[in-house]
Amino acid sequence: MLFPVSGIEIHPLLPPVVSFVISFFTSMSGLSGAFLLLPFQMSVLGYTTPSVSATNQLFNIIAIPSGVFRYICEGRMVWPLTWAVIAGTLPGVLIGAVIRISYLPDTSDFKLFVGSVLLYVGFRLFKSIYSKKREQQPIGVITSQSFSLKKISYSYGGEQYTVPTFSIFVMTFIVGIIGGIYGIGGGAIIAPFFITFFGLPIYTVAGACLMGTFVTSIAGVGIYQLLAYIYPSQAIAPDYLLGILFGIGGFGGMYMGALCQKYVPATTLKLMLLTFILLISGKYILGYFL
């Protein structure tokens, strides 16, 4: 099957199958399947134009609602954290989209950027895995949620967690810019930062990060579509057919991942993600210099 926007020809079942598998594992840790789907599109399918970023965000819009719905049903959505993620990442994603089009249209430069981001995220995950702090087990639901300009707090598993609102906003804004350039939505790579910088349990941040990714991806697709009219000589608008097929598989994968998350140890989730991250980042960084 030929996809004229991206210029690739593949079997129509390949995108949903790949996105289902990727989303199943990544959604457990609050990472959108787009986190690993972009390297697959670029390296395996040969889809390297700037529109690959927009297609990735279209995938988020279709796939994420099922995972968010599952976390809401299980009482594991931290709504104050969710609103903070959206408020910080949304402007960051818009800035990132402009940077991607204006300063990173070259494929080799973009791959170096992707590899560097993934390497840093992997480093933070590695530190959290071997941290001496005991992992919080997935017990019960989230309660006593509160929000103010000074702090965000909630209770989970018999413990109280509090984080400064301003610090969360600054971090999500910066990560949002990176996510906008990468084409994965601002919330897609925030989970490792919440876990390592703020010490929040992985079982409580996944839903908030996915919801943030969903909202910012809507804005991301809109800005890329707008930029397609401003820069008609570049392939910027998403490949809607390809994005929908990826989204269908991701929809099922994220639902199942959110459903199974509570049965998987946090350390196992982190090790699994760390392996993928290091392999991909190493390939891109070494490929740039060799």
C-alpha atoms as a PDB file:
ATOM      1  CA  MET A   1       0.000   0.000   0.000  1.00  0.00           C
ATOM      2  CA  LEU A   2       1.384   3.406  -0.998  1.00  0.00           C
ATOM      3  CA  PHE A   3       1.174   6.364   1.350  1.00  0.00           C
ATOM      4  CA  PRO A   4       1.600   9.365  -0.967  1.00  0.00           C
ATOM      5  CA  VAL A   5       2.281  12.018   1.712  1.00  0.00           C
ATOM      6  CA  SER A   6       5.143  10.145   3.359  1.00  0.00           C
ATOM      7  CA  GLY A   7       6.210   8.488   0.119  1.00  0.00           C
ATOM      8  CA  ILE A   8       6.521   5.002   1.621  1.00  0.00           C
ATOM      9  CA  GLU A   9       4.977   1.711   0.495  1.00  0.00           C
ATOM     10  CA  ILE A  10       4.220  -0.922   3.172  1.00  0.00           C
ATOM     11  CA  HIS A  11       1.617  -3.512   4.121  1.00  0.00           C
ATOM     12  CA  PRO A  12      -1.361  -1.751   5.796  1.00  0.00           C
ATOM     13  CA  LEU A  13      -1.224  -4.121   8.795  1.00  0.00           C
ATOM     14  CA  LEU A  14       2.362  -3.214   9.675  1.00  0.00           C
ATOM     15  CA  PRO A  15       1.654   0.219  11.265  1.00  0.00           C
ATOM     16  CA  PRO A  16      -1.080  -0.954  13.693  1.00  0.00           C
ATOM     17  CA  VAL A  17       0.838  -4.072  14.723  1.00  0.00           C
ATOM     18  CA  VAL A  18       4.037  -2.149  15.428  1.00  0.00           C
ATOM     19  CA  SER A  19       2.241   0.644  17.282  1.00  0.00           C
ATOM     20  CA  PHE A  20       0.275  -1.858  19.399  1.00  0.00           C
ATOM     21  CA  VAL A  21       3.440  -3.540  20.639  1.00  0.00           C
ATOM     22  CA  ILE A  22       5.284  -0.266  21.281  1.00  0.00           C
ATOM     23  CA  SER A  23       2.325   1.396  23.002  1.00  0.00           C
ATOM     24  CA  PHE A  24       1.643  -1.596  25.222  1.00  0.00           C
ATOM     25  CA  PHE A  25       5.038  -1.307  26.892  1.00  0.00           C
ATOM     26  CA  THR A  26       5.588   2.452  26.859  1.00  0.00           C
ATOM     27  CA  SER A  27       2.136   3.405  28.153  1.00  0.00           C
ATOM     28  CA  MET A  28       2.864   1.572  31.404  1.00  0.00           C
ATOM     29  CA  SER A  29       5.436   4.221  32.256  1.00  0.00           C
ATOM     30  CA  GLY A  30       3.468   7.215  31.003  1.00  0.00           C
ATOM     31  CA  LEU A  31       5.374   7.409  27.729  1.00  0.00           C
ATOM     32  CA  SER A  32       3.470   7.764  24.509  1.00  0.00           C
ATOM     33  CA  GLY A  33       4.133   5.091  21.912  1.00  0.00           C
ATOM     34  CA  ALA A  34       5.344   7.945  19.725  1.00  0.00           C
ATOM     35  CA  PHE A  35       8.454   7.985  21.887  1.00  0.00           C
ATOM     36  CA  LEU A  36       9.771   4.952  19.981  1.00  0.00           C
ATOM     37  CA  LEU A  37       7.529   5.159  16.940  1.00  0.00           C
ATOM     38  CA  LEU A  38       9.423   8.098  15.459  1.00  0.00           C
ATOM     39  CA  PRO A  39      12.733   6.202  15.163  1.00  0.00           C
ATOM     40  CA  PHE A  40      10.836   3.303  13.584  1.00  0.00           C
ATOM     41  CA  GLN A  41       9.357   5.588  10.943  1.00  0.00           C
ATOM     42  CA  MET A  42      12.665   7.282  10.219  1.00  0.00           C
ATOM     43  CA  SER A  43      15.044   4.303  10.276  1.00  0.00           C
ATOM     44  CA  VAL A  44      12.864   1.367   9.175  1.00  0.00           C
ATOM     45  CA  LEU A  45      10.263   2.988   6.924  1.00  0.00           C
ATOM     46  CA  GLY A  46      12.526   5.747   5.604  1.00  0.00           C
ATOM     47  CA  TYR A  47      10.023   8.485   6.460  1.00  0.00           C
ATOM     48  CA  THR A  48      12.392  11.395   7.172  1.00  0.00           C
ATOM     49  CA  THR A  49      10.659  14.619   6.099  1.00  0.00           C
ATOM     50  CA  PRO A  50       9.521  17.114   8.789  1.00  0.00           C
ATOM     51  CA  SER A  51       5.954  15.832   8.411  1.00  0.00           C
ATOM     52  CA  VAL A  52       6.964  12.697  10.316  1.00  0.00           C
ATOM     53  CA  SER A  53       6.753  14.779  13.493  1.00  0.00           C
ATOM     54  CA  ALA A  54       3.186  15.837  12.704  1.00  0.00           C
ATOM     55  CA  THR A  55       2.219  12.251  11.856  1.00  0.00           C
ATOM     56  CA  ASN A  56       3.619  11.148  15.196  1.00  0.00           C
ATOM     57  CA  GLN A  57       1.450  13.648  17.038  1.00  0.00           C
ATOM     58  CA  LEU A  58      -1.613  12.540  15.050  1.00  0.00           C
ATOM     59  CA  PHE A  59      -0.900   9.035  16.348  1.00  0.00           C
ATOM     60  CA  ASN A  60      -0.996  10.425  19.908  1.00  0.00           C
ATOM     61  CA  ILE A  61      -4.416  12.005  19.397  1.00  0.00           C
ATOM     62  CA  ILE A  62      -5.956   8.719  18.279  1.00  0.00           C
ATOM     63  CA  ALA A  63      -4.134   6.310  20.589  1.00  0.00           C
ATOM     64  CA  ILE A  64      -3.920   8.037  23.972  1.00  0.00           C
ATOM     65  CA  PRO A  65      -7.623   8.346  25.022  1.00  0.00           C
ATOM     66  CA  SER A  66      -7.904   4.603  25.698  1.00  0.00           C
ATOM     67  CA  GLY A  67      -4.985   4.630  28.135  1.00  0.00           C
ATOM     68  CA  VAL A  68      -6.213   7.767  29.902  1.00  0.00           C
ATOM     69  CA  PHE A  69      -9.675   6.228  30.234  1.00  0.00           C
ATOM     70  CA  ARG A  70      -8.192   3.134  31.886  1.00  0.00           C
ATOM     71  CA  TYR A  71      -6.209   5.194  34.419  1.00  0.00           C
ATOM     72  CA  ILE A  72      -9.304   7.263  35.260  1.00  0.00           C
ATOM     73  CA  CYS A  73     -11.354   4.107  35.825  1.00  0.00           C
ATOM     74  CA  GLU A  74      -8.723   2.784  38.222  1.00  0.00           C
ATOM     75  CA  GLY A  75      -8.533   6.046  40.206  1.00  0.00           C
ATOM     76  CA  ARG A  76      -4.912   6.727  39.274  1.00  0.00           C
ATOM     77  CA  MET A  77      -5.185  10.137  37.608  1.00  0.00           C
ATOM     78  CA  VAL A  78      -3.514  12.999  39.487  1.00  0.00           C
ATOM     79  CA  TRP A  79      -5.570  15.852  38.048  1.00  0.00           C
ATOM     80  CA  PRO A  80      -3.565  18.776  39.576  1.00  0.00           C
ATOM     81  CA  LEU A  81      -0.399  17.292  38.080  1.00  0.00           C
ATOM     82  CA  THR A  82      -2.202  16.827  34.774  1.00  0.00           C
ATOM     83  CA  TRP A  83      -3.221  20.503  34.565  1.00  0.00           C
ATOM     84  CA  ALA A  84       0.336  21.581  35.423  1.00  0.00           C
ATOM     85  CA  VAL A  85       1.732  19.371  32.665  1.00  0.00           C
ATOM     86  CA  ILE A  86      -0.669  20.843  30.121  1.00  0.00           C
ATOM     87  CA  ALA A  87      -0.007  24.458  31.214  1.00  0.00           C
ATOM     88  CA  GLY A  88       3.761  24.028  30.894  1.00  0.00           C
ATOM     89  CA  THR A  89       4.072  21.844  27.830  1.00  0.00           C
ATOM     90  CA  LEU A  90       1.463  23.466  25.592  1.00  0.00           C
ATOM     91  CA  PRO A  91       3.425  26.705  24.913  1.00  0.00           C
ATOM     92  CA  GLY A  92       6.637  24.676  24.803  1.00  0.00           C
ATOM     93  CA  VAL A  93       5.300  22.388  22.092  1.00  0.00           C
ATOM     94  CA  LEU A  94       4.317  25.334  19.916  1.00  0.00           C
ATOM     95  CA  ILE A  95       7.814  26.823  20.235  1.00  0.00           C
ATOM     96  CA  GLY A  96       9.370  23.427  19.533  1.00  0.00           C
ATOM     97  CA  ALA A  97       7.373  22.993  16.325  1.00  0.00           C
ATOM     98  CA  VAL A  98       8.683  26.315  14.978  1.00  0.00           C
ATOM     99  CA  ILE A  99      12.269  25.368  15.909  1.00  0.00           C
ATOM    100  CA  ARG A 100      11.875  22.002  14.147  1.00  0.00           C
ATOM    101  CA  ILE A 101      10.806  23.627  10.889  1.00  0.00           C
ATOM    102  CA  SER A 102      13.146  26.631  11.009  1.00  0.00           C
ATOM    103  CA  TYR A 103      16.386  25.166  12.350  1.00  0.00           C
ATOM    104  CA  LEU A 104      16.244  21.351  12.159  1.00  0.00           C
ATOM    105  CA  PRO A 105      14.945  20.442   8.686  1.00  0.00           C
ATOM    106  CA  ASP A 106      18.097  18.427   7.897  1.00  0.00           C
ATOM    107  CA  THR A 107      17.680  14.731   8.705  1.00  0.00           C
ATOM    108  CA  SER A 108      21.180  14.153  10.068  1.00  0.00           C
ATOM    109  CA  ASP A 109      20.978  17.104  12.464  1.00  0.00           C
ATOM    110  CA  PHE A 110      17.550  16.001  13.620  1.00  0.00           C
ATOM    111  CA  LYS A 111      18.768  12.459  14.323  1.00  0.00           C
ATOM    112  CA  LEU A 112      21.649  13.817  16.404  1.00  0.00           C
ATOM    113  CA  PHE A 113      19.170  15.882  18.394  1.00  0.00           C
ATOM    114  CA  VAL A 114      16.872  12.871  18.896  1.00  0.00           C
ATOM    115  CA  GLY A 115      19.782  10.704  19.985  1.00  0.00           C
ATOM    116  CA  SER A 116      20.981  13.279  22.500  1.00  0.00           C
ATOM    117  CA  VAL A 117      17.534  13.653  24.069  1.00  0.00           C
ATOM    118  CA  LEU A 118      17.090   9.899  24.345  1.00  0.00           C
ATOM    119  CA  LEU A 119      20.555   9.474  25.860  1.00  0.00           C
ATOM    120  CA  TYR A 120      19.840  12.000  28.598  1.00  0.00           C
ATOM    121  CA  VAL A 121      16.475  10.427  29.397  1.00  0.00           C
ATOM    122  CA  GLY A 122      18.193   7.042  29.571  1.00  0.00           C
ATOM    123  CA  PHE A 123      20.804   8.427  31.976  1.00  0.00           C
ATOM    124  CA  ARG A 124      18.090   9.722  34.293  1.00  0.00           C
ATOM    125  CA  LEU A 125      16.272   6.385  34.175  1.00  0.00           C
ATOM    126  CA  PHE A 126      19.500   4.530  34.964  1.00  0.00           C
ATOM    127  CA  LYS A 127      20.039   6.675  38.045  1.00  0.00           C
ATOM    128  CA  SER A 128      16.496   6.108  39.246  1.00  0.00           C
ATOM    129  CA  ILE A 129      16.785   2.336  38.824  1.00  0.00           C
ATOM    130  CA  TYR A 130      19.801   2.156  41.114  1.00  0.00           C
ATOM    131  CA  SER A 131      18.561   4.754  43.551  1.00  0.00           C
ATOM    132  CA  LYS A 132      18.536   3.640  47.161  1.00  0.00           C
ATOM    133  CA  LYS A 133      15.016   4.914  47.607  1.00  0.00           C
ATOM    134  CA  ARG A 134      12.471   2.125  47.953  1.00  0.00           C
ATOM    135  CA  GLU A 135       9.912   1.846  45.141  1.00  0.00           C
ATOM    136  CA  GLN A 136       6.313   2.552  46.129  1.00  0.00           C
ATOM    137  CA  GLN A 137       4.086  -0.436  45.409  1.00  0.00           C
ATOM    138  CA  PRO A 138       0.827   0.026  43.461  1.00  0.00           C
ATOM    139  CA  ILE A 139      -1.693   0.005  46.297  1.00  0.00           C
ATOM    140  CA  GLY A 140      -5.162   1.547  46.234  1.00  0.00           C
ATOM    141  CA  VAL A 141      -6.124   4.753  44.479  1.00  0.00           C
ATOM    142  CA  ILE A 142      -5.022   8.378  44.510  1.00  0.00           C
ATOM    143  CA  THR A 143      -6.720  10.518  47.146  1.00  0.00           C
ATOM    144  CA  SER A 144      -6.508  13.965  48.790  1.00  0.00           C
ATOM    145  CA  GLN A 145      -5.464  15.795  45.634  1.00  0.00           C
ATOM    146  CA  SER A 146      -4.805  19.529  46.041  1.00  0.00           C
ATOM    147  CA  PHE A 147      -3.397  22.341  43.930  1.00  0.00           C
ATOM    148  CA  SER A 148      -2.106  25.845  44.654  1.00  0.00           C
ATOM    149  CA  LEU A 149       0.378  28.250  43.105  1.00  0.00           C
ATOM    150  CA  LYS A 150       2.941  26.996  45.611  1.00  0.00           C
ATOM    151  CA  LYS A 151       2.501  23.237  45.612  1.00  0.00           C
ATOM    152  CA  ILE A 152       0.738  20.169  44.242  1.00  0.00           C
ATOM    153  CA  SER A 153       0.026  17.307  46.625  1.00  0.00           C
ATOM    154  CA  TYR A 154      -1.752  13.963  46.710  1.00  0.00           C
ATOM    155  CA  SER A 155      -1.862  10.735  48.698  1.00  0.00           C
ATOM    156  CA  TYR A 156      -1.147   7.282  47.330  1.00  0.00           C
ATOM    157  CA  GLY A 157      -0.449   3.967  49.030  1.00  0.00           C
ATOM    158  CA  GLY A 158      -0.535   5.540  52.479  1.00  0.00           C
ATOM    159  CA  GLU A 159       2.071   8.200  51.634  1.00  0.00           C
ATOM    160  CA  GLN A 160       1.769  11.914  50.882  1.00  0.00           C
ATOM    161  CA  TYR A 161       3.593  13.383  47.871  1.00  0.00           C
ATOM    162  CA  THR A 162       4.188  17.125  47.448  1.00  0.00           C
ATOM    163  CA  VAL A 163       5.944  18.971  44.612  1.00  0.00           C
ATOM    164  CA  PRO A 164       6.473  22.732  43.976  1.00  0.00           C
ATOM    165  CA  THR A 165       4.112  24.035  41.297  1.00  0.00           C
ATOM    166  CA  PHE A 166       6.572  26.529  39.783  1.00  0.00           C
ATOM    167  CA  SER A 167       9.315  23.915  39.400  1.00  0.00           C
ATOM    168  CA  ILE A 168       6.870  21.581  37.679  1.00  0.00           C
ATOM    169  CA  PHE A 169       5.829  24.345  35.291  1.00  0.00           C
ATOM    170  CA  VAL A 170       9.423  25.304  34.361  1.00  0.00           C
ATOM    171  CA  MET A 171      10.433  21.693  33.804  1.00  0.00           C
ATOM    172  CA  THR A 172       7.375  20.882  31.693  1.00  0.00           C
ATOM    173  CA  PHE A 173       7.878  24.019  29.599  1.00  0.00           C
ATOM    174  CA  ILE A 174      11.467  23.048  28.745  1.00  0.00           C
ATOM    175  CA  VAL A 175      10.556  19.434  28.085  1.00  0.00           C
ATOM    176  CA  GLY A 176       7.605  20.659  26.030  1.00  0.00           C
ATOM    177  CA  ILE A 177       9.975  22.467  23.664  1.00  0.00           C
ATOM    178  CA  ILE A 178      11.996  19.275  23.266  1.00  0.00           C
ATOM    179  CA  GLY A 179       8.825  17.261  22.728  1.00  0.00           C
ATOM    180  CA  GLY A 180       7.592  19.738  20.132  1.00  0.00           C
ATOM    181  CA  ILE A 181      10.792  19.395  18.155  1.00  0.00           C
ATOM    182  CA  TYR A 182      10.802  15.619  18.526  1.00  0.00           C
ATOM    183  CA  GLY A 183       7.164  15.337  17.457  1.00  0.00           C
ATOM    184  CA  ILE A 184       5.933  13.262  20.390  1.00  0.00           C
ATOM    185  CA  GLY A 185       3.872  15.771  22.358  1.00  0.00           C
ATOM    186  CA  GLY A 186       5.129  17.610  25.404  1.00  0.00           C
ATOM    187  CA  GLY A 187       4.075  15.076  28.023  1.00  0.00           C
ATOM    188  CA  ALA A 188       5.686  12.105  26.346  1.00  0.00           C
ATOM    189  CA  ILE A 189       9.106  12.340  28.005  1.00  0.00           C
ATOM    190  CA  ILE A 190       8.121  13.989  31.274  1.00  0.00           C
ATOM    191  CA  ALA A 191       7.538  10.773  33.240  1.00  0.00           C
ATOM    192  CA  PRO A 192      11.261  10.021  33.766  1.00  0.00           C
ATOM    193  CA  PHE A 193      11.756  13.578  35.058  1.00  0.00           C
ATOM    194  CA  PHE A 194       8.884  13.259  37.540  1.00  0.00           C
ATOM    195  CA  ILE A 195      10.325   9.970  38.770  1.00  0.00           C
ATOM    196  CA  THR A 196      13.961  11.036  39.044  1.00  0.00           C
ATOM    197  CA  PHE A 197      13.809  14.748  39.928  1.00  0.00           C
ATOM    198  CA  PHE A 198      10.708  14.777  42.137  1.00  0.00           C
ATOM    199  CA  GLY A 199      10.590  11.212  43.436  1.00  0.00           C
ATOM    200  CA  LEU A 200       7.002  10.532  42.376  1.00  0.00           C
ATOM    201  CA  PRO A 201       5.849   6.895  41.996  1.00  0.00           C
ATOM    202  CA  ILE A 202       5.705   5.674  38.428  1.00  0.00           C
ATOM    203  CA  TYR A 203       2.202   4.321  39.041  1.00  0.00           C
ATOM    204  CA  THR A 204       0.835   7.822  39.714  1.00  0.00           C
ATOM    205  CA  VAL A 205       2.443   9.898  36.954  1.00  0.00           C
ATOM    206  CA  ALA A 206       1.619   7.744  33.922  1.00  0.00           C
ATOM    207  CA  GLY A 207      -1.954   8.975  33.498  1.00  0.00           C
ATOM    208  CA  ALA A 208      -1.035  12.649  33.895  1.00  0.00           C
ATOM    209  CA  CYS A 209       1.780  12.384  31.368  1.00  0.00           C
ATOM    210  CA  LEU A 210      -0.391  10.646  28.793  1.00  0.00           C
ATOM    211  CA  MET A 211      -3.160  13.215  29.216  1.00  0.00           C
ATOM    212  CA  GLY A 212      -0.638  16.039  28.810  1.00  0.00           C
ATOM    213  CA  THR A 213       0.695  14.404  25.665  1.00  0.00           C
ATOM    214  CA  PHE A 214      -2.818  14.086  24.258  1.00  0.00           C
ATOM    215  CA  VAL A 215      -3.706  17.764  24.728  1.00  0.00           C
ATOM    216  CA  THR A 216      -0.386  19.114  23.464  1.00  0.00           C
ATOM    217  CA  SER A 217      -0.443  16.784  20.469  1.00  0.00           C
ATOM    218  CA  ILE A 218      -3.734  18.337  19.349  1.00  0.00           C
ATOM    219  CA  ALA A 219      -2.021  21.715  19.383  1.00  0.00           C
ATOM    220  CA  GLY A 220       1.040  20.216  17.702  1.00  0.00           C
ATOM    221  CA  VAL A 221      -0.894  18.819  14.757  1.00  0.00           C
ATOM    222  CA  GLY A 222      -2.678  22.141  14.385  1.00  0.00           C
ATOM    223  CA  ILE A 223       0.543  24.154  14.305  1.00  0.00           C
ATOM    224  CA  TYR A 224       2.203  21.776  11.838  1.00  0.00           C
ATOM    225  CA  GLN A 225      -0.826  21.998   9.557  1.00  0.00           C
ATOM    226  CA  LEU A 226      -0.648  25.783   9.755  1.00  0.00           C
ATOM    227  CA  LEU A 227       3.080  25.781   9.058  1.00  0.00           C
ATOM    228  CA  ALA A 228       2.417  23.632   5.983  1.00  0.00           C
ATOM    229  CA  TYR A 229       0.611  26.608   4.447  1.00  0.00           C
ATOM    230  CA  ILE A 230       3.379  29.018   5.469  1.00  0.00           C
ATOM    231  CA  TYR A 231       6.146  26.769   4.086  1.00  0.00           C
ATOM    232  CA  PRO A 232       4.510  25.144   1.032  1.00  0.00           C
ATOM    233  CA  SER A 233       7.859  23.951  -0.336  1.00  0.00           C
ATOM    234  CA  GLN A 234       8.384  21.601   2.642  1.00  0.00           C
ATOM    235  CA  ALA A 235       6.533  18.396   3.565  1.00  0.00           C
ATOM    236  CA  ILE A 236       5.164  19.470   6.945  1.00  0.00           C
ATOM    237  CA  ALA A 237       1.496  18.395   7.196  1.00  0.00           C
ATOM    238  CA  PRO A 238       0.883  14.922   8.678  1.00  0.00           C
ATOM    239  CA  ASP A 239       0.328  11.789   6.634  1.00  0.00           C
ATOM    240  CA  TYR A 240      -3.241  11.307   7.888  1.00  0.00           C
ATOM    241  CA  LEU A 241      -3.723   7.787   6.550  1.00  0.00           C
ATOM    242  CA  LEU A 242      -0.477   6.509   8.054  1.00  0.00           C
ATOM    243  CA  GLY A 243      -1.119   8.332  11.342  1.00  0.00           C
ATOM    244  CA  ILE A 244      -4.603   6.809  11.637  1.00  0.00           C
ATOM    245  CA  LEU A 245      -3.284   3.278  11.087  1.00  0.00           C
ATOM    246  CA  PHE A 246      -0.599   3.808  13.726  1.00  0.00           C
ATOM    247  CA  GLY A 247      -3.246   5.287  16.020  1.00  0.00           C
ATOM    248  CA  ILE A 248      -5.573   2.291  15.715  1.00  0.00           C
ATOM    249  CA  GLY A 249      -2.870  -0.064  16.940  1.00  0.00           C
ATOM    250  CA  GLY A 250      -1.771   2.383  19.622  1.00  0.00           C
ATOM    251  CA  PHE A 251      -5.348   2.696  20.900  1.00  0.00           C
ATOM    252  CA  GLY A 252      -5.434  -1.007  21.737  1.00  0.00           C
ATOM    253  CA  GLY A 253      -1.860  -1.104  22.992  1.00  0.00           C
ATOM    254  CA  MET A 254      -2.280   1.808  25.403  1.00  0.00           C
ATOM    255  CA  TYR A 255      -5.477   0.407  26.875  1.00  0.00           C
ATOM    256  CA  MET A 256      -3.870  -2.958  27.541  1.00  0.00           C
ATOM    257  CA  GLY A 257      -0.699  -1.326  28.878  1.00  0.00           C
ATOM    258  CA  ALA A 258      -2.628   0.841  31.326  1.00  0.00           C
ATOM    259  CA  LEU A 259      -4.653  -2.206  32.382  1.00  0.00           C
ATOM    260  CA  CYS A 260      -1.558  -4.337  33.040  1.00  0.00           C
ATOM    261  CA  GLN A 261       0.663  -1.641  34.556  1.00  0.00           C
ATOM    262  CA  LYS A 262      -0.213  -2.329  38.184  1.00  0.00           C
ATOM    263  CA  TYR A 263       0.978  -5.925  37.851  1.00  0.00           C
ATOM    264  CA  VAL A 264       4.483  -5.011  36.628  1.00  0.00           C
ATOM    265  CA  PRO A 265       7.276  -3.945  39.040  1.00  0.00           C
ATOM    266  CA  ALA A 266       8.488  -0.393  38.506  1.00  0.00           C
ATOM    267  CA  THR A 267      12.109  -1.510  38.154  1.00  0.00           C
ATOM    268  CA  THR A 268      11.137  -3.900  35.354  1.00  0.00           C
ATOM    269  CA  LEU A 269       9.376  -1.086  33.494  1.00  0.00           C
ATOM    270  CA  LYS A 270      12.395   1.192  33.799  1.00  0.00           C
ATOM    271  CA  LEU A 271      14.885  -1.463  32.676  1.00  0.00           C
ATOM    272  CA  MET A 272      12.762  -2.295  29.658  1.00  0.00           C
ATOM    273  CA  LEU A 273      12.543   1.349  28.605  1.00  0.00           C
ATOM    274  CA  LEU A 274      16.219   1.976  29.320  1.00  0.00           C
ATOM    275  CA  THR A 275      17.214  -0.796  26.903  1.00  0.00           C
ATOM    276  CA  PHE A 276      15.153   0.663  24.058  1.00  0.00           C
ATOM    277  CA  ILE A 277      16.337   4.202  24.745  1.00  0.00           C
ATOM    278  CA  LEU A 278      20.036   3.374  24.791  1.00  0.00           C
ATOM    279  CA  LEU A 279      19.881   1.269  21.630  1.00  0.00           C
ATOM    280  CA  ILE A 280      18.135   3.971  19.646  1.00  0.00           C
ATOM    281  CA  SER A 281      20.163   6.895  20.973  1.00  0.00           C
ATOM    282  CA  GLY A 282      23.407   5.039  20.339  1.00  0.00           C
ATOM    283  CA  LYS A 283      22.426   4.280  16.770  1.00  0.00           C
ATOM    284  CA  TYR A 284      21.544   7.900  15.996  1.00  0.00           C
ATOM    285  CA  ILE A 285      24.530   9.524  17.704  1.00  0.00           C
ATOM    286  CA  LEU A 286      27.100   7.111  16.251  1.00  0.00           C
ATOM    287  CA  GLY A 287      25.433   7.322  12.841  1.00  0.00           C
ATOM    288  CA  TYR A 288      25.863  11.087  12.826  1.00  0.00           C
ATOM    289  CA  PHE A 289      29.633  10.935  13.335  1.00  0.00           C
ATOM    290  CA  LEU A 290      30.453   7.789  11.316  1.00  0.00           C
END
